[in-house]
């Protein structure tokens, strides 16, 4: 029982109790802030352009960390995606968001993140929600333990570039619709 209480306490520390923190920064195509909006409204069709960060993590064996998103997600629920992603909060920069989401989703801290790319995309995720993001992609190397937050992540695994590309081609419906866009910011995923 004590262990269960400790686990629940750790989970609640990772995810803010105050949903007012779930605000996104709405921007124009030049990445100039237009205002803030609650996360759910920003993702409801038609989704509003807002700031986001995505993270690609690899290990020394050349494998990539991917996660199966929690069933609680409004976009990409139960689908596989890159290591993590998240929406910037007011006052937060892209790198701060990436580091925060690594900790909140996967329990990972202290990874050196380097910027790969920045791009805009817009996709329909389901009948009610979609993404329209000014996304900055970061890359890092990680060799330690991964401690997924079950409110955020259903499962994780390490996968080779070759296997990941094959899965994306053969069974893309199990992947969140933005996954390939994020992966294509890294040269290993660009087919010749």
C-alpha atoms as a PDB file:
ATOM      1  CA  UNK A   1       0.000   0.000   0.000  1.00  0.00           C
ATOM      2  CA  UNK A   2       2.832   2.374   0.897  1.00  0.00           C
ATOM      3  CA  UNK A   3       4.462   1.708  -2.501  1.00  0.00           C
ATOM      4  CA  UNK A   4       1.165   2.459  -4.311  1.00  0.00           C
ATOM      5  CA  UNK A   5       0.824   5.775  -2.462  1.00  0.00           C
ATOM      6  CA  UNK A   6       4.436   6.664  -3.357  1.00  0.00           C
ATOM      7  CA  UNK A   7       3.781   5.850  -7.031  1.00  0.00           C
ATOM      8  CA  UNK A   8       0.620   7.966  -7.062  1.00  0.00           C
ATOM      9  CA  UNK A   9       2.489  10.809  -5.382  1.00  0.00           C
ATOM     10  CA  UNK A  10       5.281  10.636  -7.980  1.00  0.00           C
ATOM     11  CA  UNK A  11       2.699  10.661 -10.791  1.00  0.00           C
ATOM     12  CA  UNK A  12       0.885  13.662  -9.382  1.00  0.00           C
ATOM     13  CA  UNK A  13       4.214  15.513  -9.090  1.00  0.00           C
ATOM     14  CA  UNK A  14       4.828  14.949 -12.796  1.00  0.00           C
ATOM     15  CA  UNK A  15       1.420  16.222 -13.921  1.00  0.00           C
ATOM     16  CA  UNK A  16       0.201  19.582 -12.606  1.00  0.00           C
ATOM     17  CA  UNK A  17      -3.045  19.457 -10.645  1.00  0.00           C
ATOM     18  CA  UNK A  18      -3.983  22.959 -11.773  1.00  0.00           C
ATOM     19  CA  UNK A  19      -5.341  22.648 -15.312  1.00  0.00           C
ATOM     20  CA  UNK A  20      -4.899  26.395 -15.805  1.00  0.00           C
ATOM     21  CA  UNK A  21      -1.302  25.427 -16.628  1.00  0.00           C
ATOM     22  CA  UNK A  22      -2.670  23.653 -19.717  1.00  0.00           C
ATOM     23  CA  UNK A  23      -2.554  26.842 -21.760  1.00  0.00           C
ATOM     24  CA  UNK A  24      -0.921  26.982 -25.185  1.00  0.00           C
ATOM     25  CA  UNK A  25       0.742  29.917 -26.913  1.00  0.00           C
ATOM     26  CA  UNK A  26      -1.143  30.816 -30.089  1.00  0.00           C
ATOM     27  CA  UNK A  27       1.102  32.270 -32.815  1.00  0.00           C
ATOM     28  CA  UNK A  28       1.111  33.411 -36.432  1.00  0.00           C
ATOM     29  CA  UNK A  29       3.227  31.785 -39.173  1.00  0.00           C
ATOM     30  CA  UNK A  30       6.162  34.037 -38.196  1.00  0.00           C
ATOM     31  CA  UNK A  31       5.999  32.623 -34.639  1.00  0.00           C
ATOM     32  CA  UNK A  32       4.826  35.934 -33.150  1.00  0.00           C
ATOM     33  CA  UNK A  33       2.572  35.397 -30.150  1.00  0.00           C
ATOM     34  CA  UNK A  34      -1.073  36.305 -30.724  1.00  0.00           C
ATOM     35  CA  UNK A  35      -2.308  35.195 -27.305  1.00  0.00           C
ATOM     36  CA  UNK A  36      -2.950  32.133 -25.155  1.00  0.00           C
ATOM     37  CA  UNK A  37      -5.725  29.561 -25.240  1.00  0.00           C
ATOM     38  CA  UNK A  38      -6.636  26.475 -23.264  1.00  0.00           C
ATOM     39  CA  UNK A  39      -5.124  23.331 -24.737  1.00  0.00           C
ATOM     40  CA  UNK A  40      -8.380  21.548 -25.535  1.00  0.00           C
ATOM     41  CA  UNK A  41      -9.890  24.528 -27.391  1.00  0.00           C
ATOM     42  CA  UNK A  42      -6.673  25.042 -29.367  1.00  0.00           C
ATOM     43  CA  UNK A  43      -6.837  21.436 -30.618  1.00  0.00           C
ATOM     44  CA  UNK A  44     -10.566  21.391 -31.421  1.00  0.00           C
ATOM     45  CA  UNK A  45     -11.302  21.754 -35.170  1.00  0.00           C
ATOM     46  CA  UNK A  46     -10.251  24.031 -36.674  1.00  0.00           C
ATOM     47  CA  UNK A  47      -7.059  23.704 -34.636  1.00  0.00           C
ATOM     48  CA  UNK A  48      -5.243  26.979 -33.891  1.00  0.00           C
ATOM     49  CA  UNK A  49      -1.556  27.402 -34.709  1.00  0.00           C
ATOM     50  CA  UNK A  50       0.392  27.096 -31.444  1.00  0.00           C
ATOM     51  CA  UNK A  51       3.943  26.434 -30.249  1.00  0.00           C
ATOM     52  CA  UNK A  52       5.151  22.898 -29.577  1.00  0.00           C
ATOM     53  CA  UNK A  53       8.347  20.929 -29.012  1.00  0.00           C
ATOM     54  CA  UNK A  54       9.162  17.378 -30.078  1.00  0.00           C
ATOM     55  CA  UNK A  55      12.043  15.205 -28.891  1.00  0.00           C
ATOM     56  CA  UNK A  56      13.937  12.416 -30.624  1.00  0.00           C
ATOM     57  CA  UNK A  57      16.070  10.297 -28.271  1.00  0.00           C
ATOM     58  CA  UNK A  58      18.603   7.710 -29.396  1.00  0.00           C
ATOM     59  CA  UNK A  59      21.006   5.440 -27.543  1.00  0.00           C
ATOM     60  CA  UNK A  60      24.583   4.383 -28.315  1.00  0.00           C
ATOM     61  CA  UNK A  61      23.296   1.295 -30.178  1.00  0.00           C
ATOM     62  CA  UNK A  62      21.603   3.556 -32.734  1.00  0.00           C
ATOM     63  CA  UNK A  63      18.097   2.799 -31.484  1.00  0.00           C
ATOM     64  CA  UNK A  64      15.324   5.368 -31.071  1.00  0.00           C
ATOM     65  CA  UNK A  65      13.023   5.650 -28.073  1.00  0.00           C
ATOM     66  CA  UNK A  66       9.376   5.648 -29.090  1.00  0.00           C
ATOM     67  CA  UNK A  67       6.307   5.746 -26.908  1.00  0.00           C
ATOM     68  CA  UNK A  68       2.770   4.508 -27.198  1.00  0.00           C
ATOM     69  CA  UNK A  69       0.663   7.428 -26.069  1.00  0.00           C
ATOM     70  CA  UNK A  70      -1.840   7.051 -23.237  1.00  0.00           C
ATOM     71  CA  UNK A  71      -5.522   6.418 -23.918  1.00  0.00           C
ATOM     72  CA  UNK A  72      -6.183   9.700 -22.066  1.00  0.00           C
ATOM     73  CA  UNK A  73      -4.692  11.838 -24.864  1.00  0.00           C
ATOM     74  CA  UNK A  74      -7.052  13.933 -27.004  1.00  0.00           C
ATOM     75  CA  UNK A  75      -4.764  13.491 -30.022  1.00  0.00           C
ATOM     76  CA  UNK A  76      -2.841  10.334 -30.888  1.00  0.00           C
ATOM     77  CA  UNK A  77      -4.375   8.255 -28.085  1.00  0.00           C
ATOM     78  CA  UNK A  78      -2.949   4.714 -28.026  1.00  0.00           C
ATOM     79  CA  UNK A  79      -0.737   5.462 -31.024  1.00  0.00           C
ATOM     80  CA  UNK A  80       3.044   5.235 -31.180  1.00  0.00           C
ATOM     81  CA  UNK A  81       5.103   8.418 -31.579  1.00  0.00           C
ATOM     82  CA  UNK A  82       8.565   9.895 -31.062  1.00  0.00           C
ATOM     83  CA  UNK A  83      10.059   9.977 -27.548  1.00  0.00           C
ATOM     84  CA  UNK A  84       7.863  12.885 -26.439  1.00  0.00           C
ATOM     85  CA  UNK A  85       6.243  16.137 -27.461  1.00  0.00           C
ATOM     86  CA  UNK A  86       4.347  18.934 -25.820  1.00  0.00           C
ATOM     87  CA  UNK A  87       2.841  22.375 -26.087  1.00  0.00           C
ATOM     88  CA  UNK A  88       4.724  25.391 -24.783  1.00  0.00           C
ATOM     89  CA  UNK A  89       3.188  27.173 -21.826  1.00  0.00           C
ATOM     90  CA  UNK A  90       3.129  30.965 -21.601  1.00  0.00           C
ATOM     91  CA  UNK A  91       6.624  32.240 -20.707  1.00  0.00           C
ATOM     92  CA  UNK A  92       8.328  28.968 -21.651  1.00  0.00           C
ATOM     93  CA  UNK A  93      10.816  28.581 -24.504  1.00  0.00           C
ATOM     94  CA  UNK A  94      10.972  25.612 -26.881  1.00  0.00           C
ATOM     95  CA  UNK A  95      13.885  23.877 -25.135  1.00  0.00           C
ATOM     96  CA  UNK A  96      12.340  24.318 -21.674  1.00  0.00           C
ATOM     97  CA  UNK A  97       9.161  22.672 -22.954  1.00  0.00           C
ATOM     98  CA  UNK A  98      11.114  19.741 -24.422  1.00  0.00           C
ATOM     99  CA  UNK A  99      12.958  19.161 -21.119  1.00  0.00           C
ATOM    100  CA  UNK A 100       9.738  19.489 -19.105  1.00  0.00           C
ATOM    101  CA  UNK A 101       7.914  16.940 -21.272  1.00  0.00           C
ATOM    102  CA  UNK A 102      10.811  14.461 -21.048  1.00  0.00           C
ATOM    103  CA  UNK A 103      10.480  14.615 -17.266  1.00  0.00           C
ATOM    104  CA  UNK A 104       6.659  14.597 -17.138  1.00  0.00           C
ATOM    105  CA  UNK A 105       6.146  11.831 -19.684  1.00  0.00           C
ATOM    106  CA  UNK A 106       9.200   9.609 -19.258  1.00  0.00           C
ATOM    107  CA  UNK A 107      10.878  10.553 -15.974  1.00  0.00           C
ATOM    108  CA  UNK A 108      14.025  11.562 -17.897  1.00  0.00           C
ATOM    109  CA  UNK A 109      16.142  14.514 -16.739  1.00  0.00           C
ATOM    110  CA  UNK A 110      19.551  15.937 -17.609  1.00  0.00           C
ATOM    111  CA  UNK A 111      19.623  15.086 -21.329  1.00  0.00           C
ATOM    112  CA  UNK A 112      21.546  17.519 -23.519  1.00  0.00           C
ATOM    113  CA  UNK A 113      19.112  18.537 -26.248  1.00  0.00           C
ATOM    114  CA  UNK A 114      20.147  20.040 -29.580  1.00  0.00           C
ATOM    115  CA  UNK A 115      17.790  21.726 -32.008  1.00  0.00           C
ATOM    116  CA  UNK A 116      17.233  19.845 -35.268  1.00  0.00           C
ATOM    117  CA  UNK A 117      14.546  21.802 -37.069  1.00  0.00           C
ATOM    118  CA  UNK A 118      11.510  24.039 -36.786  1.00  0.00           C
ATOM    119  CA  UNK A 119       8.460  23.688 -39.017  1.00  0.00           C
ATOM    120  CA  UNK A 120       4.692  24.148 -39.196  1.00  0.00           C
ATOM    121  CA  UNK A 121       2.259  21.323 -39.761  1.00  0.00           C
ATOM    122  CA  UNK A 122      -1.498  20.845 -39.655  1.00  0.00           C
ATOM    123  CA  UNK A 123      -3.222  17.459 -39.464  1.00  0.00           C
ATOM    124  CA  UNK A 124      -6.551  15.954 -38.507  1.00  0.00           C
ATOM    125  CA  UNK A 125      -6.172  13.457 -35.651  1.00  0.00           C
ATOM    126  CA  UNK A 126      -9.803  12.443 -35.172  1.00  0.00           C
ATOM    127  CA  UNK A 127     -13.308  13.798 -35.779  1.00  0.00           C
ATOM    128  CA  UNK A 128     -13.037  16.380 -32.999  1.00  0.00           C
ATOM    129  CA  UNK A 129      -9.367  17.254 -32.619  1.00  0.00           C
ATOM    130  CA  UNK A 130      -6.316  18.031 -34.712  1.00  0.00           C
ATOM    131  CA  UNK A 131      -2.867  19.532 -34.559  1.00  0.00           C
ATOM    132  CA  UNK A 132      -1.668  22.822 -36.005  1.00  0.00           C
ATOM    133  CA  UNK A 133       1.764  23.392 -34.599  1.00  0.00           C
ATOM    134  CA  UNK A 134       4.845  25.539 -34.884  1.00  0.00           C
ATOM    135  CA  UNK A 135       7.046  22.607 -33.872  1.00  0.00           C
ATOM    136  CA  UNK A 136      10.703  22.728 -32.855  1.00  0.00           C
ATOM    137  CA  UNK A 137      12.375  19.314 -32.878  1.00  0.00           C
ATOM    138  CA  UNK A 138      15.230  18.483 -30.496  1.00  0.00           C
ATOM    139  CA  UNK A 139      17.536  15.472 -30.413  1.00  0.00           C
ATOM    140  CA  UNK A 140      19.412  13.907 -27.519  1.00  0.00           C
ATOM    141  CA  UNK A 141      21.235  10.747 -26.530  1.00  0.00           C
ATOM    142  CA  UNK A 142      20.082   8.770 -23.508  1.00  0.00           C
ATOM    143  CA  UNK A 143      21.322   5.533 -21.929  1.00  0.00           C
ATOM    144  CA  UNK A 144      19.492   5.468 -18.599  1.00  0.00           C
ATOM    145  CA  UNK A 145      16.261   4.088 -17.215  1.00  0.00           C
ATOM    146  CA  UNK A 146      12.930   5.266 -18.537  1.00  0.00           C
ATOM    147  CA  UNK A 147      10.129   5.694 -16.014  1.00  0.00           C
ATOM    148  CA  UNK A 148       6.943   6.350 -18.032  1.00  0.00           C
ATOM    149  CA  UNK A 149       4.065   8.239 -16.432  1.00  0.00           C
ATOM    150  CA  UNK A 150       0.972   6.053 -17.108  1.00  0.00           C
ATOM    151  CA  UNK A 151      -1.211   9.158 -17.419  1.00  0.00           C
ATOM    152  CA  UNK A 152       0.924  10.155 -20.404  1.00  0.00           C
ATOM    153  CA  UNK A 153       2.473   6.969 -21.794  1.00  0.00           C
ATOM    154  CA  UNK A 154       1.060   3.477 -22.273  1.00  0.00           C
ATOM    155  CA  UNK A 155       4.269   1.770 -23.395  1.00  0.00           C
ATOM    156  CA  UNK A 156       7.822   2.453 -24.599  1.00  0.00           C
ATOM    157  CA  UNK A 157      10.398   0.668 -26.683  1.00  0.00           C
ATOM    158  CA  UNK A 158      13.742   1.168 -28.380  1.00  0.00           C
ATOM    159  CA  UNK A 159      13.742   0.519 -32.127  1.00  0.00           C
ATOM    160  CA  UNK A 160      16.267   0.679 -34.970  1.00  0.00           C
ATOM    161  CA  UNK A 161      15.947   3.224 -37.765  1.00  0.00           C
ATOM    162  CA  UNK A 162      15.344   0.441 -40.306  1.00  0.00           C
ATOM    163  CA  UNK A 163      12.587  -1.210 -38.243  1.00  0.00           C
ATOM    164  CA  UNK A 164      10.903   2.101 -37.527  1.00  0.00           C
ATOM    165  CA  UNK A 165      10.858   3.096 -41.196  1.00  0.00           C
ATOM    166  CA  UNK A 166       9.448  -0.322 -42.149  1.00  0.00           C
ATOM    167  CA  UNK A 167       6.709  -0.073 -39.523  1.00  0.00           C
ATOM    168  CA  UNK A 168       5.780   3.440 -40.625  1.00  0.00           C
ATOM    169  CA  UNK A 169       5.446   2.245 -44.224  1.00  0.00           C
ATOM    170  CA  UNK A 170       3.614  -1.007 -43.476  1.00  0.00           C
ATOM    171  CA  UNK A 171       1.338  -0.035 -40.591  1.00  0.00           C
ATOM    172  CA  UNK A 172       1.203   3.747 -40.347  1.00  0.00           C
ATOM    173  CA  UNK A 173      -2.189   3.769 -38.591  1.00  0.00           C
ATOM    174  CA  UNK A 174      -0.587   2.611 -35.329  1.00  0.00           C
ATOM    175  CA  UNK A 175       1.568   5.758 -35.360  1.00  0.00           C
ATOM    176  CA  UNK A 176       0.396   9.256 -34.447  1.00  0.00           C
ATOM    177  CA  UNK A 177      -0.071  11.223 -37.670  1.00  0.00           C
ATOM    178  CA  UNK A 178       2.775  13.662 -36.944  1.00  0.00           C
ATOM    179  CA  UNK A 179       5.391  10.980 -36.187  1.00  0.00           C
ATOM    180  CA  UNK A 180       6.822  10.701 -39.691  1.00  0.00           C
ATOM    181  CA  UNK A 181       6.987  14.504 -40.044  1.00  0.00           C
ATOM    182  CA  UNK A 182       9.037  14.757 -36.855  1.00  0.00           C
ATOM    183  CA  UNK A 183      11.317  11.860 -37.836  1.00  0.00           C
ATOM    184  CA  UNK A 184      12.020  13.399 -41.239  1.00  0.00           C
ATOM    185  CA  UNK A 185      13.833  16.274 -39.511  1.00  0.00           C
ATOM    186  CA  UNK A 186      16.698  13.797 -38.899  1.00  0.00           C
ATOM    187  CA  UNK A 187      18.846  12.625 -41.845  1.00  0.00           C
ATOM    188  CA  UNK A 188      18.646   8.942 -40.785  1.00  0.00           C
ATOM    189  CA  UNK A 189      14.955   8.895 -41.732  1.00  0.00           C
ATOM    190  CA  UNK A 190      15.234  10.488 -45.160  1.00  0.00           C
ATOM    191  CA  UNK A 191      15.083   7.756 -47.804  1.00  0.00           C
ATOM    192  CA  UNK A 192      17.343   8.112 -50.792  1.00  0.00           C
END
